[in-house]
Amino acid sequence: MGHRGLLDIRGLYEGKLSSLVGHPASESRGSRQATKQILFARSILGITGGVLAKISIFLLMHQTFVIERTMKLAIRAALGATFVAFVLSIGFQIAYASPRAGESWDDMSKKTEQSAVWSIVGSVLNLLLDLNIFLLPCPIIARLNWSTRQRIKALGVFSTAFL
């Protein structure tokens, strides 16, 4: 299989979607369409997986840290924002990464500039949600009757949101 079996990000920037799934550059039209369909499915599954992970973390926080009304509201707001980001991400993927009725998968190159804008917006939303995962438990951990070392370890657990 050689090096073509490895993920080659350079192919995405050069417009060679075939290198992402290991097909040679001289592939047929049907093979190119299958490649684009696979990439679309991967993006939908990736978005869904990321959102489900964030929702599970916020639900765990809701069970663990709901001591004050403000914390409950903040966690619920984060859950709502996560759901809104999910719906927007899926909507924009459908709008910009899949063909409309009467179009083929080969016509998708026209929409790449529009999808680049959403990629930036989606990345910023994900970063804000990750910051929220880290910052929400900080006031509660700061008030715990633990040593400084134990508090730092607890904050270390929530810093995995940045990974």
N, C-alpha and C. Protein backbone atom coordinates (compact mmCIF):
# COMPACT_ATOMS: atom_id res chain seq x y z
N MET A 1 0.82 -1.19 0.00
CA MET A 1 0.00 0.00 0.00
C MET A 1 0.87 1.25 0.00
N GLY A 2 2.02 1.21 0.60
CA GLY A 2 2.95 2.33 0.55
C GLY A 2 2.49 3.53 1.34
N HIS A 3 2.98 4.70 0.97
CA HIS A 3 2.66 5.92 1.72
C HIS A 3 1.25 6.43 1.43
N ARG A 4 0.59 5.94 0.42
CA ARG A 4 -0.75 6.41 0.09
C ARG A 4 -1.77 6.00 1.14
N GLY A 5 -1.48 4.98 1.95
CA GLY A 5 -2.41 4.56 2.99
C GLY A 5 -2.44 5.52 4.17
N LEU A 6 -1.44 6.38 4.28
CA LEU A 6 -1.38 7.35 5.37
C LEU A 6 -2.16 8.59 5.00
N LEU A 7 -2.64 9.28 6.02
CA LEU A 7 -3.39 10.51 5.80
C LEU A 7 -2.43 11.59 5.29
N ASP A 8 -2.71 12.12 4.12
CA ASP A 8 -1.85 13.12 3.51
C ASP A 8 -2.61 14.44 3.46
N ILE A 9 -2.37 15.28 4.46
CA ILE A 9 -3.08 16.56 4.56
C ILE A 9 -2.75 17.47 3.39
N ARG A 10 -1.54 17.37 2.86
CA ARG A 10 -1.17 18.23 1.74
C ARG A 10 -2.14 18.08 0.58
N GLY A 11 -2.68 16.89 0.38
CA GLY A 11 -3.61 16.65 -0.72
C GLY A 11 -4.87 17.48 -0.60
N LEU A 12 -5.30 17.76 0.63
CA LEU A 12 -6.50 18.57 0.83
C LEU A 12 -6.27 19.99 0.34
N TYR A 13 -5.11 20.55 0.65
CA TYR A 13 -4.82 21.92 0.22
C TYR A 13 -4.57 22.01 -1.28
N GLU A 14 -4.11 20.94 -1.87
CA GLU A 14 -3.85 20.94 -3.30
C GLU A 14 -5.10 20.55 -4.09
N GLY A 15 -6.19 20.27 -3.39
CA GLY A 15 -7.42 19.90 -4.07
C GLY A 15 -7.46 18.44 -4.47
N LYS A 16 -6.53 17.64 -3.99
CA LYS A 16 -6.49 16.22 -4.33
C LYS A 16 -7.13 15.44 -3.19
N LEU A 17 -8.43 15.40 -3.17
CA LEU A 17 -9.14 14.69 -2.12
C LEU A 17 -8.82 13.20 -2.15
N SER A 18 -8.37 12.71 -3.29
CA SER A 18 -8.10 11.29 -3.42
C SER A 18 -6.96 10.85 -2.50
N SER A 19 -6.01 11.71 -2.20
CA SER A 19 -4.88 11.30 -1.38
C SER A 19 -5.28 11.07 0.07
N LEU A 20 -6.46 11.58 0.47
CA LEU A 20 -6.91 11.37 1.84
C LEU A 20 -7.38 9.95 2.10
N VAL A 21 -7.81 9.26 1.07
CA VAL A 21 -8.25 7.88 1.25
C VAL A 21 -7.39 6.89 0.50
N GLY A 22 -6.32 7.33 -0.10
CA GLY A 22 -5.34 6.43 -0.68
C GLY A 22 -5.56 6.07 -2.13
N HIS A 23 -6.43 6.76 -2.86
CA HIS A 23 -6.64 6.48 -4.27
C HIS A 23 -5.59 7.22 -5.09
N PRO A 24 -5.17 6.65 -6.21
CA PRO A 24 -4.22 7.38 -7.06
C PRO A 24 -4.86 8.62 -7.66
N ALA A 25 -4.03 9.54 -8.13
CA ALA A 25 -4.52 10.82 -8.64
C ALA A 25 -5.36 10.65 -9.90
N SER A 26 -5.13 9.60 -10.68
CA SER A 26 -5.87 9.40 -11.92
C SER A 26 -7.10 8.52 -11.70
N GLU A 27 -7.90 8.86 -10.75
CA GLU A 27 -9.06 8.05 -10.42
C GLU A 27 -10.26 8.43 -11.29
N SER A 28 -11.25 7.58 -11.30
CA SER A 28 -12.44 7.82 -12.10
C SER A 28 -13.36 8.81 -11.40
N ARG A 29 -14.34 9.31 -12.14
CA ARG A 29 -15.29 10.27 -11.58
C ARG A 29 -16.07 9.66 -10.43
N GLY A 30 -16.49 8.42 -10.55
CA GLY A 30 -17.22 7.74 -9.49
C GLY A 30 -16.40 7.58 -8.23
N SER A 31 -15.12 7.34 -8.41
CA SER A 31 -14.23 7.20 -7.26
C SER A 31 -14.03 8.53 -6.56
N ARG A 32 -13.95 9.63 -7.33
CA ARG A 32 -13.82 10.95 -6.73
C ARG A 32 -15.07 11.29 -5.93
N GLN A 33 -16.23 10.95 -6.48
CA GLN A 33 -17.47 11.23 -5.77
C GLN A 33 -17.54 10.42 -4.47
N ALA A 34 -17.11 9.17 -4.52
CA ALA A 34 -17.10 8.34 -3.32
C ALA A 34 -16.16 8.93 -2.27
N THR A 35 -15.03 9.46 -2.72
CA THR A 35 -14.08 10.07 -1.80
C THR A 35 -14.71 11.28 -1.11
N LYS A 36 -15.39 12.12 -1.87
CA LYS A 36 -16.03 13.30 -1.30
C LYS A 36 -17.16 12.91 -0.36
N GLN A 37 -17.88 11.86 -0.68
CA GLN A 37 -18.94 11.38 0.20
C GLN A 37 -18.37 10.86 1.51
N ILE A 38 -17.24 10.16 1.43
CA ILE A 38 -16.58 9.66 2.64
C ILE A 38 -16.12 10.81 3.52
N LEU A 39 -15.54 11.84 2.91
CA LEU A 39 -15.09 13.00 3.67
C LEU A 39 -16.26 13.73 4.33
N PHE A 40 -17.39 13.81 3.63
CA PHE A 40 -18.58 14.42 4.20
C PHE A 40 -19.08 13.61 5.40
N ALA A 41 -19.12 12.30 5.25
CA ALA A 41 -19.57 11.44 6.35
C ALA A 41 -18.61 11.54 7.54
N ARG A 42 -17.31 11.60 7.26
CA ARG A 42 -16.32 11.76 8.34
C ARG A 42 -16.55 13.06 9.10
N SER A 43 -16.83 14.13 8.38
CA SER A 43 -17.01 15.42 9.06
C SER A 43 -18.27 15.40 9.92
N ILE A 44 -19.34 14.81 9.42
CA ILE A 44 -20.58 14.72 10.21
C ILE A 44 -20.35 13.88 11.46
N LEU A 45 -19.68 12.74 11.31
CA LEU A 45 -19.40 11.88 12.47
C LEU A 45 -18.44 12.55 13.45
N GLY A 46 -17.46 13.29 12.93
CA GLY A 46 -16.52 14.00 13.81
C GLY A 46 -17.21 15.08 14.61
N ILE A 47 -18.08 15.83 13.97
CA ILE A 47 -18.84 16.87 14.67
C ILE A 47 -19.71 16.24 15.75
N THR A 48 -20.41 15.17 15.40
CA THR A 48 -21.30 14.50 16.35
C THR A 48 -20.52 13.95 17.53
N GLY A 49 -19.38 13.33 17.27
CA GLY A 49 -18.56 12.79 18.36
C GLY A 49 -18.05 13.87 19.29
N GLY A 50 -17.57 14.97 18.72
CA GLY A 50 -17.07 16.07 19.55
C GLY A 50 -18.16 16.70 20.40
N VAL A 51 -19.33 16.87 19.83
CA VAL A 51 -20.44 17.46 20.58
C VAL A 51 -20.92 16.52 21.68
N LEU A 52 -20.99 15.23 21.39
CA LEU A 52 -21.41 14.27 22.42
C LEU A 52 -20.43 14.24 23.58
N ALA A 53 -19.14 14.39 23.29
CA ALA A 53 -18.15 14.44 24.37
C ALA A 53 -18.35 15.67 25.24
N LYS A 54 -18.58 16.82 24.61
CA LYS A 54 -18.81 18.05 25.38
C LYS A 54 -20.09 17.97 26.20
N ILE A 55 -21.15 17.43 25.60
CA ILE A 55 -22.41 17.30 26.33
C ILE A 55 -22.25 16.38 27.53
N SER A 56 -21.51 15.28 27.37
CA SER A 56 -21.32 14.37 28.51
C SER A 56 -20.54 15.05 29.64
N ILE A 57 -19.57 15.88 29.28
CA ILE A 57 -18.81 16.60 30.32
C ILE A 57 -19.71 17.60 31.04
N PHE A 58 -20.52 18.34 30.30
CA PHE A 58 -21.42 19.31 30.93
C PHE A 58 -22.47 18.61 31.79
N LEU A 59 -22.96 17.45 31.36
CA LEU A 59 -23.92 16.71 32.19
C LEU A 59 -23.27 16.19 33.46
N LEU A 60 -22.02 15.76 33.35
CA LEU A 60 -21.28 15.33 34.55
C LEU A 60 -21.11 16.51 35.50
N MET A 61 -20.78 17.67 34.97
CA MET A 61 -20.66 18.87 35.80
C MET A 61 -22.00 19.21 36.44
N HIS A 62 -23.07 19.03 35.70
CA HIS A 62 -24.40 19.33 36.22
C HIS A 62 -24.72 18.44 37.42
N GLN A 63 -24.32 17.18 37.36
CA GLN A 63 -24.54 16.28 38.49
C GLN A 63 -23.62 16.59 39.66
N THR A 64 -22.41 17.00 39.36
CA THR A 64 -21.39 17.16 40.39
C THR A 64 -21.39 18.54 41.04
N PHE A 65 -21.50 19.59 40.26
CA PHE A 65 -21.26 20.94 40.74
C PHE A 65 -22.49 21.80 40.95
N VAL A 66 -23.68 21.24 40.89
CA VAL A 66 -24.87 22.06 41.04
C VAL A 66 -25.13 22.32 42.51
N ILE A 67 -24.44 23.31 43.02
CA ILE A 67 -24.59 23.72 44.41
C ILE A 67 -25.35 25.05 44.46
N GLU A 68 -24.98 25.92 43.57
CA GLU A 68 -25.59 27.25 43.52
C GLU A 68 -26.45 27.39 42.27
N ARG A 69 -27.38 28.28 42.35
CA ARG A 69 -28.26 28.53 41.21
C ARG A 69 -27.48 29.07 40.02
N THR A 70 -26.50 29.93 40.25
CA THR A 70 -25.73 30.51 39.14
C THR A 70 -24.93 29.43 38.41
N MET A 71 -24.41 28.45 39.17
CA MET A 71 -23.65 27.37 38.53
C MET A 71 -24.59 26.51 37.67
N LYS A 72 -25.78 26.25 38.19
CA LYS A 72 -26.76 25.47 37.44
C LYS A 72 -27.11 26.18 36.13
N LEU A 73 -27.33 27.48 36.21
CA LEU A 73 -27.66 28.26 35.01
C LEU A 73 -26.50 28.29 34.03
N ALA A 74 -25.28 28.43 34.54
CA ALA A 74 -24.11 28.48 33.67
C ALA A 74 -23.91 27.16 32.93
N ILE A 75 -24.11 26.06 33.63
CA ILE A 75 -23.95 24.74 33.00
C ILE A 75 -25.05 24.52 31.97
N ARG A 76 -26.27 24.90 32.30
CA ARG A 76 -27.37 24.75 31.34
C ARG A 76 -27.16 25.65 30.12
N ALA A 77 -26.63 26.84 30.33
CA ALA A 77 -26.33 27.72 29.20
C ALA A 77 -25.25 27.10 28.31
N ALA A 78 -24.25 26.48 28.93
CA ALA A 78 -23.20 25.81 28.16
C ALA A 78 -23.77 24.63 27.37
N LEU A 79 -24.69 23.89 27.98
CA LEU A 79 -25.35 22.79 27.26
C LEU A 79 -26.14 23.34 26.07
N GLY A 80 -26.85 24.43 26.28
CA GLY A 80 -27.61 25.05 25.19
C GLY A 80 -26.70 25.54 24.08
N ALA A 81 -25.59 26.17 24.46
CA ALA A 81 -24.64 26.66 23.45
C ALA A 81 -24.02 25.51 22.67
N THR A 82 -23.76 24.41 23.35
CA THR A 82 -23.21 23.23 22.67
C THR A 82 -24.21 22.68 21.66
N PHE A 83 -25.48 22.62 22.05
CA PHE A 83 -26.50 22.13 21.14
C PHE A 83 -26.65 23.07 19.94
N VAL A 84 -26.64 24.37 20.18
CA VAL A 84 -26.76 25.34 19.08
C VAL A 84 -25.56 25.21 18.13
N ALA A 85 -24.35 25.07 18.70
CA ALA A 85 -23.16 24.91 17.87
C ALA A 85 -23.26 23.63 17.03
N PHE A 86 -23.82 22.57 17.62
CA PHE A 86 -23.99 21.31 16.89
C PHE A 86 -24.94 21.48 15.72
N VAL A 87 -26.09 22.09 15.98
CA VAL A 87 -27.09 22.28 14.92
C VAL A 87 -26.51 23.16 13.81
N LEU A 88 -25.82 24.23 14.18
CA LEU A 88 -25.21 25.10 13.17
C LEU A 88 -24.14 24.36 12.37
N SER A 89 -23.31 23.59 13.05
CA SER A 89 -22.24 22.86 12.36
C SER A 89 -22.81 21.86 11.36
N ILE A 90 -23.79 21.10 11.79
CA ILE A 90 -24.41 20.13 10.88
C ILE A 90 -25.10 20.86 9.72
N GLY A 91 -25.78 21.94 10.03
CA GLY A 91 -26.46 22.71 8.98
C GLY A 91 -25.49 23.26 7.96
N PHE A 92 -24.38 23.81 8.42
CA PHE A 92 -23.40 24.36 7.49
C PHE A 92 -22.69 23.26 6.71
N GLN A 93 -22.48 22.11 7.33
CA GLN A 93 -21.90 20.99 6.59
C GLN A 93 -22.83 20.56 5.46
N ILE A 94 -24.11 20.49 5.77
CA ILE A 94 -25.07 20.09 4.75
C ILE A 94 -25.14 21.16 3.66
N ALA A 95 -25.11 22.43 4.05
CA ALA A 95 -25.22 23.52 3.07
C ALA A 95 -23.98 23.66 2.21
N TYR A 96 -22.79 23.49 2.80
CA TYR A 96 -21.56 23.79 2.07
C TYR A 96 -20.71 22.58 1.71
N ALA A 97 -20.99 21.42 2.24
CA ALA A 97 -20.15 20.27 1.96
C ALA A 97 -20.90 19.13 1.29
N SER A 98 -22.14 19.38 0.89
CA SER A 98 -22.89 18.37 0.16
C SER A 98 -23.62 19.04 -0.99
N PRO A 99 -23.83 18.31 -2.07
CA PRO A 99 -24.49 18.91 -3.23
C PRO A 99 -25.99 19.08 -3.02
N ARG A 100 -26.53 20.10 -3.64
CA ARG A 100 -27.97 20.30 -3.62
C ARG A 100 -28.61 19.42 -4.70
N ALA A 101 -29.91 19.40 -4.71
CA ALA A 101 -30.61 18.62 -5.72
C ALA A 101 -30.20 19.10 -7.11
N GLY A 102 -29.86 18.19 -7.97
CA GLY A 102 -29.45 18.51 -9.33
C GLY A 102 -27.95 18.74 -9.49
N GLU A 103 -27.20 18.85 -8.39
CA GLU A 103 -25.75 19.01 -8.45
C GLU A 103 -25.08 17.66 -8.23
N SER A 104 -23.84 17.58 -8.66
CA SER A 104 -23.07 16.37 -8.40
C SER A 104 -22.00 16.70 -7.36
N TRP A 105 -21.35 15.69 -6.86
CA TRP A 105 -20.29 15.90 -5.88
C TRP A 105 -19.10 16.62 -6.51
N ASP A 106 -18.98 16.57 -7.83
CA ASP A 106 -17.88 17.27 -8.51
C ASP A 106 -18.08 18.78 -8.50
N ASP A 107 -19.31 19.26 -8.32
CA ASP A 107 -19.60 20.69 -8.29
C ASP A 107 -19.26 21.33 -6.96
N MET A 108 -18.76 20.58 -6.02
CA MET A 108 -18.56 21.08 -4.65
C MET A 108 -17.38 22.03 -4.52
N SER A 109 -16.50 22.09 -5.48
CA SER A 109 -15.32 22.96 -5.35
C SER A 109 -15.72 24.43 -5.30
N LYS A 110 -16.90 24.78 -5.78
CA LYS A 110 -17.35 26.17 -5.75
C LYS A 110 -17.66 26.65 -4.34
N LYS A 111 -17.97 25.73 -3.45
CA LYS A 111 -18.42 26.10 -2.11
C LYS A 111 -17.29 26.15 -1.08
N THR A 112 -16.06 25.91 -1.48
CA THR A 112 -14.99 25.81 -0.50
C THR A 112 -14.70 27.13 0.21
N GLU A 113 -14.82 28.24 -0.48
CA GLU A 113 -14.57 29.53 0.18
C GLU A 113 -15.61 29.81 1.25
N GLN A 114 -16.85 29.49 0.97
CA GLN A 114 -17.90 29.70 1.95
C GLN A 114 -17.72 28.79 3.15
N SER A 115 -17.30 27.56 2.92
CA SER A 115 -17.12 26.64 4.04
C SER A 115 -15.91 27.01 4.88
N ALA A 116 -14.93 27.70 4.30
CA ALA A 116 -13.77 28.13 5.07
C ALA A 116 -14.16 29.13 6.15
N VAL A 117 -15.10 30.00 5.84
CA VAL A 117 -15.58 30.97 6.83
C VAL A 117 -16.23 30.24 8.00
N TRP A 118 -17.09 29.26 7.69
CA TRP A 118 -17.73 28.53 8.77
C TRP A 118 -16.71 27.73 9.58
N SER A 119 -15.68 27.23 8.96
CA SER A 119 -14.65 26.48 9.69
C SER A 119 -14.02 27.35 10.78
N ILE A 120 -13.78 28.60 10.46
CA ILE A 120 -13.19 29.52 11.44
C ILE A 120 -14.19 29.80 12.56
N VAL A 121 -15.44 30.07 12.20
CA VAL A 121 -16.47 30.34 13.21
C VAL A 121 -16.67 29.12 14.11
N GLY A 122 -16.73 27.94 13.52
CA GLY A 122 -16.89 26.72 14.31
C GLY A 122 -15.72 26.47 15.23
N SER A 123 -14.53 26.77 14.78
CA SER A 123 -13.34 26.60 15.62
C SER A 123 -13.37 27.54 16.82
N VAL A 124 -13.80 28.76 16.61
CA VAL A 124 -13.90 29.73 17.70
C VAL A 124 -14.96 29.27 18.71
N LEU A 125 -16.11 28.79 18.21
CA LEU A 125 -17.14 28.27 19.11
C LEU A 125 -16.63 27.10 19.94
N ASN A 126 -15.91 26.19 19.30
CA ASN A 126 -15.35 25.05 20.03
C ASN A 126 -14.35 25.49 21.08
N LEU A 127 -13.53 26.48 20.75
CA LEU A 127 -12.56 26.99 21.72
C LEU A 127 -13.28 27.61 22.92
N LEU A 128 -14.34 28.37 22.67
CA LEU A 128 -15.09 28.98 23.77
C LEU A 128 -15.75 27.91 24.65
N LEU A 129 -16.27 26.86 24.03
CA LEU A 129 -16.86 25.77 24.83
C LEU A 129 -15.80 25.05 25.65
N ASP A 130 -14.61 24.86 25.08
CA ASP A 130 -13.52 24.23 25.83
C ASP A 130 -13.08 25.10 27.00
N LEU A 131 -13.00 26.41 26.78
CA LEU A 131 -12.68 27.32 27.88
C LEU A 131 -13.74 27.24 28.97
N ASN A 132 -14.99 27.11 28.57
CA ASN A 132 -16.08 26.99 29.52
C ASN A 132 -15.94 25.72 30.36
N ILE A 133 -15.55 24.62 29.72
CA ILE A 133 -15.34 23.36 30.45
C ILE A 133 -14.27 23.54 31.51
N PHE A 134 -13.24 24.30 31.18
CA PHE A 134 -12.15 24.52 32.13
C PHE A 134 -12.54 25.51 33.23
N LEU A 135 -13.22 26.59 32.86
CA LEU A 135 -13.47 27.67 33.81
C LEU A 135 -14.66 27.43 34.75
N LEU A 136 -15.65 26.65 34.33
CA LEU A 136 -16.83 26.45 35.17
C LEU A 136 -16.50 25.89 36.56
N PRO A 137 -15.68 24.87 36.68
CA PRO A 137 -15.43 24.33 38.02
C PRO A 137 -14.41 25.11 38.85
N CYS A 138 -13.73 26.07 38.26
CA CYS A 138 -12.66 26.78 38.98
C CYS A 138 -13.13 27.45 40.27
N PRO A 139 -14.25 28.18 40.31
CA PRO A 139 -14.66 28.80 41.57
C PRO A 139 -14.97 27.78 42.67
N ILE A 140 -15.54 26.66 42.30
CA ILE A 140 -15.86 25.64 43.31
C ILE A 140 -14.60 24.99 43.82
N ILE A 141 -13.68 24.68 42.93
CA ILE A 141 -12.42 24.06 43.35
C ILE A 141 -11.63 25.02 44.23
N ALA A 142 -11.69 26.31 43.93
CA ALA A 142 -10.95 27.29 44.74
C ALA A 142 -11.48 27.37 46.17
N ARG A 143 -12.78 27.09 46.36
CA ARG A 143 -13.37 27.17 47.70
C ARG A 143 -13.27 25.87 48.50
N LEU A 144 -12.78 24.82 47.88
CA LEU A 144 -12.68 23.55 48.61
C LEU A 144 -11.64 23.64 49.72
N ASN A 145 -11.85 22.88 50.76
CA ASN A 145 -10.93 22.87 51.89
C ASN A 145 -9.83 21.85 51.62
N TRP A 146 -9.09 22.08 50.56
CA TRP A 146 -7.99 21.20 50.14
C TRP A 146 -6.70 22.01 50.17
N SER A 147 -5.60 21.26 50.14
CA SER A 147 -4.31 21.94 50.03
C SER A 147 -4.17 22.49 48.61
N THR A 148 -3.24 23.42 48.45
CA THR A 148 -3.01 24.03 47.13
C THR A 148 -2.63 22.97 46.12
N ARG A 149 -1.85 22.00 46.55
CA ARG A 149 -1.41 20.94 45.65
C ARG A 149 -2.60 20.12 45.14
N GLN A 150 -3.55 19.82 46.01
CA GLN A 150 -4.73 19.05 45.61
C GLN A 150 -5.61 19.87 44.65
N ARG A 151 -5.72 21.16 44.90
CA ARG A 151 -6.51 22.01 44.01
C ARG A 151 -5.89 22.08 42.62
N ILE A 152 -4.58 22.17 42.58
CA ILE A 152 -3.88 22.22 41.28
C ILE A 152 -4.10 20.91 40.53
N LYS A 153 -4.07 19.79 41.24
CA LYS A 153 -4.32 18.49 40.60
C LYS A 153 -5.75 18.43 40.05
N ALA A 154 -6.72 18.94 40.82
CA ALA A 154 -8.10 18.94 40.36
C ALA A 154 -8.26 19.84 39.13
N LEU A 155 -7.61 20.99 39.12
CA LEU A 155 -7.66 21.86 37.95
C LEU A 155 -6.97 21.20 36.75
N GLY A 156 -5.95 20.40 37.03
CA GLY A 156 -5.28 19.67 35.96
C GLY A 156 -6.21 18.72 35.23
N VAL A 157 -7.13 18.12 35.98
CA VAL A 157 -8.11 17.23 35.37
C VAL A 157 -8.96 18.01 34.37
N PHE A 158 -9.41 19.19 34.75
CA PHE A 158 -10.26 19.97 33.86
C PHE A 158 -9.48 20.65 32.75
N SER A 159 -8.17 20.75 32.90
CA SER A 159 -7.38 21.35 31.82
C SER A 159 -7.27 20.43 30.62
N THR A 160 -7.75 19.18 30.76
CA THR A 160 -7.77 18.30 29.59
C THR A 160 -8.72 18.81 28.53
N ALA A 161 -9.54 19.79 28.87
CA ALA A 161 -10.43 20.40 27.88
C ALA A 161 -9.62 21.05 26.76
N PHE A 162 -8.38 21.38 27.01
CA PHE A 162 -7.55 22.04 26.00
C PHE A 162 -6.87 21.05 25.06
N LEU A 163 -7.02 19.75 25.31
CA LEU A 163 -6.38 18.76 24.44
C LEU A 163 -7.13 18.54 23.17
